[in-house]
Amino acid sequence: MPDFDAAAIADTDFNLKVRQIIETAYRYIGETVVFDQYAKDLLQVVILNLQGRGYFFWNVEDVNREFTAPSQVTGNGDSKNYTCYRGHTASSVNRPPTGADWTKYWYEANSAGSAWALNSPYISTGDFYPASNTLSIDNAIIRYQNRDRQLRFISKVEYSRYEKKQQTGTPWAIFYDDTRPPQVFLYPQIHTDLVDDHLLIYRRVVRASDIEGSSAMDDFDSNWLHVLILLLAKELAAQRFNLPMERILYLENKADLALKNVIRPRGTKVIRRQGTFDNQESARRFPENRRTFR
């Protein structure tokens, strides 16, 4: 049994960092514990090989998102004011009210708009981009005046049926678009006067970062720890220390068994392939977007 560092497992989430995975792998094969670039590169290869087989690594984290008032500008050639209802970067095509596509991003409302500026980022309360390493979002709650409301996840098709995207109120629906970069849409949008009264709370599944950098110290979800430690130990045993084949096969078999036993948080699939739903329930609710499960 490997000699775990007590400090490494003191956290309540029981996740180990890259350094601790590497050091534990050395202990598994009875070699001097070091943290070196060679082992880090091997761990990176192990992860890439697993991803090539369709296995992707994640962490789960809770996010609190505060809201900012939507952008407001004065129109081109008129004295009217326009409010943004979909975030975008300003171009001549979406400039209100003369751009060919301006109605896809702005509506005439409110007052005291600032001067429109080319290439400026304009925001709304109805959409935002989560971090680019987000794999999925679930369990979203909107908090308004200290009251929590569970948001209902809807599909792209259902979201497209709501014609008046600039409708304001307390959101009750959320659509997660998992294209790259991922984007989140809320319906209805929060009125500019009430942004300070609302808070969005959601859980996101996060792709593990590339670990090639010398200072990489990312956590891995505890579900994956045994798999990564055993696979790295096998690679070290075979490539660096030339241990007997029986020992290498023993580590490989244990790693395969650990991989089969990987579990995810309740209600989600064990392993997520890119471009698939996290669970069968999502596919049932959104049959128009159903894809093949592993």
Protein backbone atom coordinates (compact mmCIF):
# COMPACT_ATOMS: atom_id res chain seq x y z
CA MET A 1 0.00 0.00 0.00
CA PRO A 2 1.46 3.42 -0.95
CA ASP A 3 2.59 5.75 1.79
CA PHE A 4 0.20 8.71 1.43
CA ASP A 5 1.20 12.07 2.79
CA ALA A 6 -1.36 13.07 5.45
CA ALA A 7 -1.32 16.66 4.19
CA ALA A 8 -2.27 15.44 0.74
CA ILE A 9 -5.55 13.98 1.96
CA ALA A 10 -6.45 16.61 4.54
CA ASP A 11 -8.85 18.38 2.18
CA THR A 12 -12.49 17.36 2.37
CA ASP A 13 -12.62 16.78 -1.40
CA PHE A 14 -9.79 14.20 -1.25
CA ASN A 15 -8.31 15.44 -4.53
CA LEU A 16 -4.58 15.10 -5.14
CA LYS A 17 -2.45 17.53 -7.11
CA VAL A 18 -0.11 16.61 -9.94
CA ARG A 19 2.91 16.46 -7.62
CA GLN A 20 1.17 14.06 -5.24
CA ILE A 21 0.00 11.79 -8.08
CA ILE A 22 3.57 11.51 -9.39
CA GLU A 23 5.11 10.91 -5.98
CA THR A 24 2.52 8.24 -5.15
CA ALA A 25 3.18 6.49 -8.49
CA TYR A 26 6.87 6.22 -7.56
CA ARG A 27 5.90 4.71 -4.21
CA TYR A 28 3.76 2.10 -5.99
CA ILE A 29 6.81 0.71 -7.76
CA GLY A 30 9.11 1.04 -4.76
CA GLU A 31 11.38 3.71 -6.23
CA THR A 32 12.79 6.92 -4.79
CA VAL A 33 10.08 9.55 -4.65
CA VAL A 34 10.86 12.52 -6.87
CA PHE A 35 8.92 15.19 -8.73
CA ASP A 36 10.58 15.60 -12.11
CA GLN A 37 9.75 16.70 -15.65
CA TYR A 38 10.12 13.14 -16.98
CA ALA A 39 7.28 11.86 -14.81
CA LYS A 40 5.18 14.91 -15.56
CA ASP A 41 5.60 14.33 -19.30
CA LEU A 42 4.62 10.68 -18.85
CA LEU A 43 1.51 11.71 -16.91
CA GLN A 44 0.60 14.06 -19.75
CA VAL A 45 0.95 11.17 -22.22
CA VAL A 46 -1.24 8.97 -20.02
CA ILE A 47 -3.96 11.63 -19.99
CA LEU A 48 -3.75 12.22 -23.75
CA ASN A 49 -3.97 8.48 -24.41
CA LEU A 50 -7.08 8.22 -22.27
CA GLN A 51 -8.63 11.21 -24.04
CA GLY A 52 -7.87 9.51 -27.35
CA ARG A 53 -9.98 6.59 -26.11
CA GLY A 54 -12.84 8.95 -25.25
CA TYR A 55 -12.17 9.46 -21.53
CA PHE A 56 -12.17 13.08 -20.38
CA PHE A 57 -11.16 14.44 -16.98
CA TRP A 58 -13.16 16.92 -14.98
CA ASN A 59 -13.48 18.77 -11.74
CA VAL A 60 -16.77 20.07 -10.37
CA GLU A 61 -17.08 23.54 -8.90
CA ASP A 62 -19.80 25.93 -7.78
CA VAL A 63 -19.95 29.39 -9.32
CA ASN A 64 -21.66 32.54 -8.05
CA ARG A 65 -22.24 35.00 -10.89
CA GLU A 66 -23.29 38.57 -10.20
CA PHE A 67 -24.98 40.62 -12.89
CA THR A 68 -23.93 43.88 -14.50
CA ALA A 69 -26.32 46.32 -16.11
CA PRO A 70 -26.69 45.75 -19.87
CA SER A 71 -24.90 48.07 -22.27
CA GLN A 72 -26.78 51.12 -23.51
CA VAL A 73 -25.80 53.34 -26.44
CA THR A 74 -27.19 56.20 -28.48
CA GLY A 75 -28.27 55.41 -32.00
CA ASN A 76 -26.41 56.30 -35.17
CA GLY A 77 -27.99 59.43 -36.58
CA ASP A 78 -30.84 59.67 -34.09
CA SER A 79 -31.32 60.75 -30.50
CA LYS A 80 -32.77 57.45 -29.33
CA ASN A 81 -31.24 55.06 -26.81
CA TYR A 82 -30.74 51.34 -27.28
CA THR A 83 -30.24 48.50 -24.78
CA CYS A 84 -28.20 45.38 -25.54
CA TYR A 85 -30.04 42.07 -25.15
CA ARG A 86 -27.32 39.79 -26.57
CA GLY A 87 -23.61 40.18 -25.88
CA HIS A 88 -21.37 40.87 -28.87
CA THR A 89 -18.44 42.84 -30.23
CA ALA A 90 -19.44 46.03 -31.99
CA SER A 91 -19.22 46.18 -35.79
CA SER A 92 -20.91 48.22 -38.48
CA VAL A 93 -23.30 45.33 -39.12
CA ASN A 94 -24.77 45.39 -35.59
CA ARG A 95 -24.69 49.14 -34.98
CA PRO A 96 -28.14 50.48 -34.04
CA PRO A 97 -30.22 51.48 -35.89
CA THR A 98 -28.38 51.43 -39.23
CA GLY A 99 -26.59 48.05 -39.18
CA ALA A 100 -28.21 45.25 -41.16
CA ASP A 101 -28.36 42.97 -38.07
CA TRP A 102 -28.76 45.50 -35.27
CA THR A 103 -32.14 44.10 -34.15
CA LYS A 104 -30.43 40.81 -33.26
CA TYR A 105 -28.51 42.58 -30.49
CA TRP A 106 -30.32 45.80 -29.52
CA TYR A 107 -33.77 47.10 -28.79
CA GLU A 108 -34.95 50.65 -28.29
CA ALA A 109 -35.39 51.25 -24.58
CA ASN A 110 -34.27 53.22 -21.53
CA SER A 111 -32.16 56.35 -21.60
CA ALA A 112 -28.72 57.89 -21.02
CA GLY A 113 -26.96 55.68 -23.54
CA SER A 114 -23.25 56.27 -24.16
CA ALA A 115 -21.67 56.80 -27.57
CA TRP A 116 -21.42 53.61 -29.64
CA ALA A 117 -17.81 52.53 -30.37
CA LEU A 118 -16.50 50.12 -32.97
CA ASN A 119 -14.98 46.86 -31.63
CA SER A 120 -16.28 47.53 -28.11
CA PRO A 121 -17.61 44.54 -26.14
CA TYR A 122 -21.29 45.04 -25.29
CA ILE A 123 -23.06 42.90 -22.70
CA SER A 124 -26.58 41.88 -21.73
CA THR A 125 -28.13 40.24 -18.69
CA GLY A 126 -29.44 37.41 -20.85
CA ASP A 127 -26.23 35.68 -21.92
CA PHE A 128 -22.61 35.19 -20.92
CA TYR A 129 -19.58 33.04 -21.66
CA PRO A 130 -18.45 30.72 -18.87
CA ALA A 131 -14.79 29.74 -18.64
CA SER A 132 -13.61 28.07 -21.86
CA ASN A 133 -12.73 24.82 -20.05
CA THR A 134 -16.38 24.29 -19.03
CA LEU A 135 -17.74 20.90 -20.12
CA SER A 136 -21.29 21.30 -18.85
CA ILE A 137 -23.49 23.22 -16.42
CA ASP A 138 -26.19 21.91 -14.13
CA ASN A 139 -28.10 22.65 -10.94
CA ALA A 140 -28.59 26.36 -11.70
CA ILE A 141 -30.40 28.61 -9.21
CA ILE A 142 -31.39 32.27 -9.47
CA ARG A 143 -31.47 34.20 -6.19
CA TYR A 144 -33.71 37.26 -6.06
CA GLN A 145 -34.29 39.20 -2.84
CA ASN A 146 -32.98 36.28 -0.77
CA ARG A 147 -35.33 33.80 -2.44
CA ASP A 148 -33.96 30.94 -4.54
CA ARG A 149 -35.62 29.63 -7.69
CA GLN A 150 -34.44 26.49 -9.49
CA LEU A 151 -33.89 27.25 -13.17
CA ARG A 152 -35.26 24.86 -15.77
CA PHE A 153 -32.79 23.68 -18.40
CA ILE A 154 -34.17 23.99 -21.91
CA SER A 155 -32.88 22.92 -25.32
CA LYS A 156 -31.74 25.12 -28.17
CA VAL A 157 -34.96 24.39 -30.03
CA GLU A 158 -37.10 25.44 -27.08
CA TYR A 159 -35.05 28.58 -26.49
CA SER A 160 -35.43 29.55 -30.15
CA ARG A 161 -39.22 29.47 -29.76
CA TYR A 162 -39.16 32.45 -27.41
CA GLU A 163 -39.30 35.22 -29.97
CA LYS A 164 -39.01 38.20 -27.63
CA LYS A 165 -35.53 37.60 -26.24
CA GLN A 166 -35.46 41.10 -24.70
CA GLN A 167 -38.30 40.18 -22.33
CA THR A 168 -37.32 41.19 -18.78
CA GLY A 169 -38.13 39.62 -15.43
CA THR A 170 -36.62 37.08 -13.04
CA PRO A 171 -35.14 34.23 -15.15
CA TRP A 172 -36.82 30.84 -14.92
CA ALA A 173 -35.10 29.03 -17.84
CA ILE A 174 -31.48 28.45 -18.83
CA PHE A 175 -29.99 27.15 -22.08
CA TYR A 176 -26.38 25.93 -22.18
CA ASP A 177 -24.83 25.97 -25.65
CA ASP A 178 -21.86 23.60 -25.54
CA THR A 179 -20.27 24.79 -28.77
CA ARG A 180 -16.79 26.29 -28.46
CA PRO A 181 -16.61 28.68 -26.74
CA PRO A 182 -19.53 27.60 -24.52
CA GLN A 183 -22.30 30.13 -23.92
CA VAL A 184 -25.17 30.42 -21.42
CA PHE A 185 -28.54 32.04 -22.16
CA LEU A 186 -31.15 33.05 -19.56
CA TYR A 187 -34.84 33.69 -20.14
CA PRO A 188 -36.24 36.16 -19.43
CA GLN A 189 -33.50 38.75 -18.98
CA ILE A 190 -33.00 40.78 -15.82
CA HIS A 191 -34.12 44.39 -16.03
CA THR A 192 -31.32 46.93 -15.83
CA ASP A 193 -32.74 48.41 -12.62
CA LEU A 194 -32.72 45.03 -10.82
CA VAL A 195 -29.29 43.60 -11.61
CA ASP A 196 -28.01 44.20 -8.08
CA ASP A 197 -30.89 42.15 -6.65
CA HIS A 198 -30.10 38.96 -8.59
CA LEU A 199 -27.42 36.30 -8.24
CA LEU A 200 -26.91 33.23 -10.45
CA ILE A 201 -25.58 30.12 -8.69
CA TYR A 202 -24.64 27.12 -10.78
CA ARG A 203 -22.43 24.05 -10.79
CA ARG A 204 -20.08 23.50 -13.69
CA VAL A 205 -18.05 20.50 -14.78
CA VAL A 206 -14.56 21.71 -15.68
CA ARG A 207 -12.08 20.14 -18.05
CA ALA A 208 -8.73 19.42 -16.38
CA SER A 209 -5.99 21.74 -17.63
CA ASP A 210 -2.94 20.75 -19.63
CA ILE A 211 -0.18 19.87 -17.14
CA GLU A 212 2.92 20.28 -19.30
CA GLY A 213 3.92 23.55 -17.64
CA SER A 214 6.55 23.16 -14.94
CA SER A 215 4.37 24.90 -12.35
CA ALA A 216 1.11 23.05 -13.11
CA MET A 217 -0.55 22.04 -9.87
CA ASP A 218 -4.14 21.32 -10.94
CA ASP A 219 -6.39 19.13 -8.85
CA PHE A 220 -7.95 16.02 -10.35
CA ASP A 221 -11.32 14.79 -9.19
CA SER A 222 -10.86 11.99 -6.66
CA ASN A 223 -12.66 9.54 -8.98
CA TRP A 224 -9.66 9.55 -11.30
CA LEU A 225 -6.82 9.37 -8.80
CA HIS A 226 -6.35 5.61 -8.63
CA VAL A 227 -6.48 5.30 -12.42
CA LEU A 228 -3.88 8.01 -13.01
CA ILE A 229 -1.55 6.77 -10.28
CA LEU A 230 -1.61 3.17 -11.55
CA LEU A 231 -1.21 4.06 -15.23
CA LEU A 232 1.68 6.40 -14.44
CA ALA A 233 3.28 3.76 -12.22
CA LYS A 234 3.00 1.26 -15.08
CA GLU A 235 4.67 3.65 -17.54
CA LEU A 236 7.46 4.45 -15.09
CA ALA A 237 7.99 0.75 -14.38
CA ALA A 238 8.24 -0.08 -18.07
CA GLN A 239 10.10 2.92 -19.48
CA ARG A 240 12.33 4.16 -16.69
CA PHE A 241 13.09 1.24 -14.43
CA ASN A 242 12.59 -1.78 -16.69
CA LEU A 243 10.79 -3.77 -14.00
CA PRO A 244 9.73 -7.39 -14.65
CA MET A 245 6.86 -7.83 -17.11
CA GLU A 246 4.77 -9.53 -14.42
CA ARG A 247 4.89 -6.35 -12.32
CA ILE A 248 4.01 -4.17 -15.31
CA LEU A 249 1.03 -6.37 -16.26
CA TYR A 250 -0.12 -6.37 -12.64
CA LEU A 251 -0.20 -2.55 -12.62
CA GLU A 252 -1.93 -2.45 -16.01
CA ASN A 253 -4.66 -4.87 -14.88
CA LYS A 254 -5.24 -2.89 -11.69
CA ALA A 255 -5.49 0.32 -13.74
CA ASP A 256 -8.05 -1.25 -16.10
CA LEU A 257 -10.14 -2.40 -13.15
CA ALA A 258 -9.94 1.06 -11.55
CA LEU A 259 -11.03 2.64 -14.83
CA LYS A 260 -14.14 0.44 -14.94
CA ASN A 261 -15.04 1.49 -11.42
CA VAL A 262 -14.82 5.23 -12.01
CA ILE A 263 -18.00 6.95 -10.88
CA ARG A 264 -19.30 10.48 -11.39
CA PRO A 265 -21.55 12.62 -9.21
CA ARG A 266 -25.03 11.18 -8.75
CA GLY A 267 -27.21 11.60 -11.83
CA THR A 268 -24.45 11.88 -14.44
CA LYS A 269 -22.65 9.47 -16.72
CA VAL A 270 -19.45 7.76 -15.63
CA ILE A 271 -17.50 9.09 -18.60
CA ARG A 272 -18.36 11.95 -20.89
CA ARG A 273 -17.37 11.92 -24.52
CA GLN A 274 -17.07 15.36 -26.06
CA GLY A 275 -20.25 16.25 -27.86
CA THR A 276 -22.52 13.94 -25.84
CA PHE A 277 -25.02 14.57 -23.10
CA ASP A 278 -23.97 14.14 -19.49
CA ASN A 279 -26.89 11.86 -18.75
CA GLN A 280 -29.65 9.85 -20.33
CA GLU A 281 -32.27 12.19 -18.89
CA SER A 282 -30.90 15.07 -20.95
CA ALA A 283 -31.20 13.01 -24.10
CA ARG A 284 -34.74 12.03 -23.22
CA ARG A 285 -35.78 15.63 -22.60
CA PHE A 286 -34.08 16.96 -25.72
CA PRO A 287 -34.62 14.25 -28.38
CA GLU A 288 -33.93 16.70 -31.22
CA ASN A 289 -30.30 16.91 -30.06
CA ARG A 290 -29.79 13.26 -29.08
CA ARG A 291 -26.43 11.72 -29.93
CA THR A 292 -24.86 8.34 -29.52
CA PHE A 293 -23.79 7.31 -26.04
CA ARG A 294 -20.68 5.34 -25.31
